[in-house]
Amino acid sequence: MKIDDITVSKAIIETYSKKLLDNLNIDVAIVGGGPAGLCAGYYLAKKKYKVALFERKLSVGGGMWGGGIMFNEIVVQRDAKIILDEMGIATKVYKPGYYVAGSVEAVSALIYKATKAGLTIFNLLSAEDVMVRKDKVCGLVLNWSSVEMAGLHIDPIAMMAKYVIDATGHPAEIAHLLENKQGVKLKTKTGKVMGEKSMWADVGEKSIIKNTLEIYPGVYVSGMAANAVFGGQRMGPIFGGMLLSGKKVASMLSAKLRGKK
C-alpha cells in the first residue's frame, strides 16, 4: 500500500475536529488529568454520562508517574486497593494496610480503563476561564497550552458543561479563577482558596475525601485541589485518597445528573 501524506493529515484533522465538536456540550468537564481526574472520568463514563477531561500538559497522569522522589512506586491504603483491583493493577502488601504498586502501570491502567469506559481526553488544552451564567458555572473557556506558554494574544473557544470538576492539583486553578476573575465567595470558611498545609499523610488522606465538595454552583473540587481549596494537609506519595476522591465526586455528580433527567 502506498502512503499518501495528505490523507494522513486529513485523517487527523477531520477526526480531531469531529471529536472536539462532539464535546462542546457535555455533562461533566474535568480540568486536570491526574489520578483524581482520571478516576472521576472513569466512574462517570462507566455510568454513560458524557464526560471530557482537559489536561494542559502533553501527558496525563499528573504526579503519579514519578511516585516518590522519582522512585516509580506508589502506596495506597486498604480502602483504595479496591479501585486498583478494579483497574487490574497489580499490588503487593508492604505491611498490613499498606499496598505498593508500580506508578507506570497504575497510570497506564487508569488512562486505558477511563478511555475504554467512554472518557474523552484532550491533552495540550488549558482552561483559561470559566463560563458563568445566572450565578452558576456552565462551561469552560479553552485555549491551546502552547498559546498560553508563548504568551500569544489568541482568542479562545467556549464549551458548555452541566458541571465542572477542578482536579488541577495543588494550584486549584478553577477555584482561583472563580475567586480572582468572578470575585465570588467560595463555600469555604474564608470564602476564598485557603491553601494547602504541610505534609501529614494520615490527616491529608482523610480530609481529601471530606473536602471533595461543591465550592460554587456547578463546580466541584477533587484530588489535591480539594485540600488546597479547603486548607487540608498535603499527603505526599500515597495516592489512595486521590483515587477515592475521584470516585466520590463521580458518585456525587452522578446523583445530581440523575436528578436532572
Protein backbone atom coordinates (compact mmCIF):
# COMPACT_ATOMS: atom_id res chain seq x y z
CA MET A 1 0.00 0.00 0.00
CA LYS A 2 1.27 3.45 -0.93
CA ILE A 3 1.03 6.02 1.92
CA ASP A 4 -0.35 9.43 0.96
CA ASP A 5 0.83 12.21 3.30
CA ILE A 6 -2.23 14.40 2.72
CA THR A 7 -4.58 11.54 3.56
CA VAL A 8 -2.73 11.09 6.85
CA SER A 9 -3.10 14.82 7.62
CA LYS A 10 -6.78 14.85 6.68
CA ALA A 11 -7.45 11.81 8.86
CA ILE A 12 -6.01 13.58 11.90
CA ILE A 13 -7.65 16.95 11.26
CA GLU A 14 -11.10 15.60 10.43
CA THR A 15 -11.18 13.06 13.27
CA TYR A 16 -9.95 15.50 15.90
CA SER A 17 -12.29 18.26 14.73
CA LYS A 18 -15.26 15.90 14.96
CA LYS A 19 -14.20 14.85 18.46
CA LEU A 20 -13.85 18.46 19.61
CA LEU A 21 -17.19 19.48 18.11
CA ASP A 22 -18.85 16.49 19.75
CA ASN A 23 -17.60 17.62 23.17
CA LEU A 24 -18.65 21.26 23.13
CA ASN A 25 -21.79 20.47 25.13
CA ILE A 26 -21.41 17.70 27.69
CA ASP A 27 -22.49 16.53 31.13
CA VAL A 28 -19.20 16.96 33.01
CA ALA A 29 -15.94 18.71 32.14
CA ILE A 30 -12.90 17.67 34.18
CA VAL A 31 -9.93 20.03 34.33
CA GLY A 32 -6.73 18.19 35.22
CA GLY A 33 -5.65 14.70 34.24
CA GLY A 34 -4.12 13.43 37.46
CA PRO A 35 -5.33 10.29 39.28
CA ALA A 36 -8.38 12.02 40.79
CA GLY A 37 -9.50 13.45 37.44
CA LEU A 38 -8.95 10.15 35.62
CA CYS A 39 -10.78 8.22 38.33
CA ALA A 40 -13.71 10.64 38.25
CA GLY A 41 -13.83 10.36 34.47
CA TYR A 42 -13.79 6.57 34.62
CA TYR A 43 -16.70 6.26 37.04
CA LEU A 44 -18.81 8.92 35.29
CA ALA A 45 -18.18 7.46 31.83
CA LYS A 46 -18.95 3.99 33.18
CA LYS A 47 -22.44 5.28 34.02
CA LYS A 48 -22.74 6.52 30.41
CA TYR A 49 -22.52 10.24 31.13
CA LYS A 50 -20.88 12.40 28.50
CA VAL A 51 -17.63 13.48 30.11
CA ALA A 52 -14.40 15.00 28.81
CA LEU A 53 -11.10 15.70 30.52
CA PHE A 54 -8.86 18.64 29.63
CA GLU A 55 -5.15 18.44 30.50
CA ARG A 56 -2.74 21.27 29.73
CA LYS A 57 0.35 19.03 29.56
CA LEU A 58 1.37 16.57 26.87
CA SER A 59 0.90 13.59 29.18
CA VAL A 60 -1.95 12.74 31.52
CA GLY A 61 -1.40 11.19 34.91
CA GLY A 62 -0.24 14.16 36.95
CA GLY A 63 2.42 13.49 39.55
CA MET A 64 1.63 9.80 39.87
CA TRP A 65 4.15 8.86 37.14
CA GLY A 66 7.05 9.83 39.41
CA GLY A 67 5.93 8.00 42.55
CA GLY A 68 8.02 9.46 45.38
CA ILE A 69 11.23 11.38 44.52
CA MET A 70 11.22 9.72 41.07
CA PHE A 71 11.13 6.20 42.55
CA ASN A 72 8.28 4.98 40.37
CA GLU A 73 6.35 3.14 43.06
CA ILE A 74 3.22 4.37 44.80
CA VAL A 75 1.49 3.43 48.06
CA VAL A 76 -2.23 3.09 48.62
CA GLN A 77 -4.08 2.18 51.80
CA ARG A 78 -6.55 -0.68 52.21
CA ASP A 79 -9.66 1.42 51.43
CA ALA A 80 -8.34 2.39 48.00
CA LYS A 81 -6.96 -1.00 46.97
CA ILE A 82 -10.40 -1.98 45.67
CA ILE A 83 -10.06 0.68 42.96
CA LEU A 84 -6.67 -0.65 41.85
CA ASP A 85 -8.14 -4.16 41.82
CA GLU A 86 -11.00 -2.95 39.60
CA MET A 87 -8.46 -1.46 37.19
CA GLY A 88 -6.44 -4.69 37.11
CA ILE A 89 -3.38 -3.01 38.69
CA ALA A 90 -1.02 -5.39 40.47
CA THR A 91 -0.31 -4.62 44.13
CA LYS A 92 1.94 -6.07 46.81
CA VAL A 93 1.46 -5.94 50.56
CA TYR A 94 4.29 -3.98 52.17
CA LYS A 95 2.88 -4.04 55.69
CA PRO A 96 -0.70 -4.67 56.84
CA GLY A 97 -2.84 -1.90 55.35
CA TYR A 98 -0.07 -0.61 53.02
CA TYR A 99 -0.06 -1.69 49.38
CA VAL A 100 2.62 -0.89 46.80
CA ALA A 101 2.00 -0.59 43.05
CA GLY A 102 4.13 0.42 40.07
CA SER A 103 3.32 4.00 39.18
CA VAL A 104 3.73 3.47 35.43
CA GLU A 105 1.36 0.51 35.42
CA ALA A 106 -1.09 2.39 37.65
CA VAL A 107 -1.28 5.49 35.47
CA SER A 108 -1.39 3.49 32.23
CA ALA A 109 -4.23 1.35 33.54
CA LEU A 110 -6.20 4.38 34.74
CA ILE A 111 -5.91 6.02 31.33
CA TYR A 112 -6.79 2.83 29.48
CA LYS A 113 -9.77 1.95 31.67
CA ALA A 114 -11.13 5.50 31.65
CA THR A 115 -10.95 5.88 27.88
CA LYS A 116 -12.41 2.43 27.30
CA ALA A 117 -15.29 3.34 29.62
CA GLY A 118 -16.00 6.34 27.38
CA LEU A 119 -14.00 9.26 28.81
CA THR A 120 -12.72 11.62 26.10
CA ILE A 121 -9.30 13.09 26.90
CA PHE A 122 -7.94 16.29 25.38
CA ASN A 123 -4.31 16.96 26.20
CA LEU A 124 -2.43 20.21 25.46
CA LEU A 125 -5.60 22.23 26.12
CA SER A 126 -5.86 24.70 29.00
CA ALA A 127 -8.94 26.07 30.73
CA GLU A 128 -8.12 29.76 30.87
CA ASP A 129 -11.52 30.83 32.17
CA VAL A 130 -14.98 29.57 33.09
CA MET A 131 -18.40 30.29 31.64
CA VAL A 132 -20.80 31.71 34.25
CA ARG A 133 -24.50 32.24 33.66
CA LYS A 134 -27.06 33.15 36.37
CA ASP A 135 -24.52 32.66 39.16
CA LYS A 136 -23.62 29.12 38.04
CA VAL A 137 -20.60 27.80 36.17
CA CYS A 138 -21.85 26.22 32.97
CA GLY A 139 -18.71 25.59 30.96
CA LEU A 140 -15.08 26.35 30.21
CA VAL A 141 -13.06 28.71 28.06
CA LEU A 142 -10.32 26.74 26.31
CA ASN A 143 -7.09 27.56 24.55
CA TRP A 144 -4.04 25.63 23.43
CA SER A 145 -1.42 25.29 26.15
CA SER A 146 1.24 26.39 23.66
CA VAL A 147 -0.62 29.70 23.20
CA GLU A 148 -0.60 30.18 26.97
CA MET A 149 3.10 29.28 27.25
CA ALA A 150 4.13 31.59 24.41
CA GLY A 151 2.09 34.48 25.78
CA LEU A 152 0.32 34.96 22.45
CA HIS A 153 -2.85 37.01 22.18
CA ILE A 154 -5.05 34.37 20.57
CA ASP A 155 -8.74 34.26 21.42
CA PRO A 156 -10.06 31.03 22.98
CA ILE A 157 -13.16 28.93 22.35
CA ALA A 158 -16.02 28.07 24.71
CA MET A 159 -17.62 24.78 25.66
CA MET A 160 -20.64 24.03 27.83
CA ALA A 161 -20.96 21.51 30.66
CA LYS A 162 -23.61 20.89 33.28
CA TYR A 163 -20.83 20.52 35.88
CA VAL A 164 -17.10 21.21 36.11
CA ILE A 165 -14.59 19.33 38.26
CA ASP A 166 -11.45 21.17 39.37
CA ALA A 167 -8.88 18.36 39.52
CA THR A 168 -5.88 20.60 38.84
CA GLY A 169 -3.96 19.51 41.93
CA HIS A 170 -2.01 21.89 44.16
CA PRO A 171 -2.73 25.06 42.06
CA ALA A 172 -6.56 24.62 42.27
CA GLU A 173 -6.77 26.65 39.08
CA ILE A 174 -10.52 26.74 38.55
CA ALA A 175 -11.12 27.77 42.16
CA HIS A 176 -8.60 30.61 41.76
CA LEU A 177 -10.27 31.70 38.50
CA LEU A 178 -13.60 31.97 40.31
CA GLU A 179 -12.05 33.89 43.17
CA ASN A 180 -9.90 36.26 41.13
CA LYS A 181 -11.95 36.86 37.97
CA GLN A 182 -15.52 36.47 39.19
CA GLY A 183 -14.93 37.85 42.66
CA VAL A 184 -17.31 35.30 44.15
CA LYS A 185 -17.29 33.70 47.57
CA LEU A 186 -16.39 30.03 47.62
CA LYS A 187 -18.01 27.56 50.02
CA THR A 188 -15.03 27.62 52.40
CA LYS A 189 -14.67 29.10 55.88
CA THR A 190 -12.99 32.21 54.46
CA GLY A 191 -14.87 32.37 51.16
CA LYS A 192 -11.51 32.05 49.44
CA VAL A 193 -8.97 29.38 48.47
CA MET A 194 -7.43 28.58 51.84
CA GLY A 195 -4.23 26.92 50.59
CA GLU A 196 -2.80 23.54 51.42
CA LYS A 197 -0.88 22.89 54.62
CA SER A 198 2.32 20.93 55.20
CA MET A 199 2.63 17.20 54.60
CA TRP A 200 0.78 14.94 57.04
CA ALA A 201 -0.42 11.87 55.18
CA ASP A 202 -2.73 10.49 57.85
CA VAL A 203 -4.69 13.74 58.17
CA GLY A 204 -4.44 14.67 54.49
CA GLU A 205 -5.77 11.34 53.25
CA LYS A 206 -8.85 11.68 55.43
CA SER A 207 -9.50 15.35 54.67
CA ILE A 208 -9.20 14.94 50.90
CA ILE A 209 -12.33 12.79 50.95
CA LYS A 210 -14.17 15.18 53.27
CA ASN A 211 -13.13 18.19 51.15
CA THR A 212 -14.38 16.70 47.87
CA LEU A 213 -17.32 19.06 47.61
CA GLU A 214 -19.10 21.70 45.57
CA ILE A 215 -17.27 25.00 46.02
CA TYR A 216 -19.53 27.17 43.85
CA PRO A 217 -22.71 26.32 41.91
CA GLY A 218 -21.63 23.99 39.10
CA VAL A 219 -18.04 23.44 40.32
CA TYR A 220 -16.69 20.60 42.43
CA VAL A 221 -13.13 20.04 43.65
CA SER A 222 -11.41 16.68 43.67
CA GLY A 223 -7.96 15.35 44.46
CA MET A 224 -5.27 17.63 45.84
CA ALA A 225 -7.25 20.65 44.65
CA ALA A 226 -9.84 19.78 47.33
CA ASN A 227 -7.28 20.07 50.13
CA ALA A 228 -5.77 23.18 48.55
CA VAL A 229 -9.16 24.91 48.47
CA PHE A 230 -10.26 23.90 51.97
CA GLY A 231 -6.88 24.18 53.71
CA GLY A 232 -6.13 20.48 54.12
CA GLN A 233 -2.75 18.84 54.64
CA ARG A 234 -0.54 17.66 51.81
CA MET A 235 -0.30 13.85 51.55
CA GLY A 236 2.85 13.07 49.60
CA PRO A 237 3.31 9.87 47.54
CA ILE A 238 0.32 7.97 48.92
CA PHE A 239 -2.41 8.04 46.30
CA GLY A 240 -5.40 6.27 47.81
CA GLY A 241 -7.11 9.49 48.79
CA MET A 242 -6.74 10.87 45.28
CA LEU A 243 -8.45 7.82 43.80
CA LEU A 244 -11.19 7.76 46.42
CA SER A 245 -11.79 11.49 45.93
CA GLY A 246 -12.27 10.94 42.19
CA LYS A 247 -14.70 8.13 42.86
CA LYS A 248 -16.62 10.24 45.40
CA VAL A 249 -17.06 13.25 43.10
CA ALA A 250 -18.23 10.94 40.32
CA SER A 251 -20.85 9.49 42.67
CA MET A 252 -21.99 12.97 43.76
CA LEU A 253 -22.34 14.22 40.19
CA SER A 254 -23.99 11.03 39.02
CA ALA A 255 -26.70 11.63 41.63
CA LYS A 256 -27.05 15.26 40.51
CA LEU A 257 -27.29 14.28 36.84
CA ARG A 258 -29.87 11.59 37.55
CA GLY A 259 -31.95 14.25 39.27
CA LYS A 260 -31.83 16.42 36.12
CA LYS A 261 -33.30 13.73 33.88
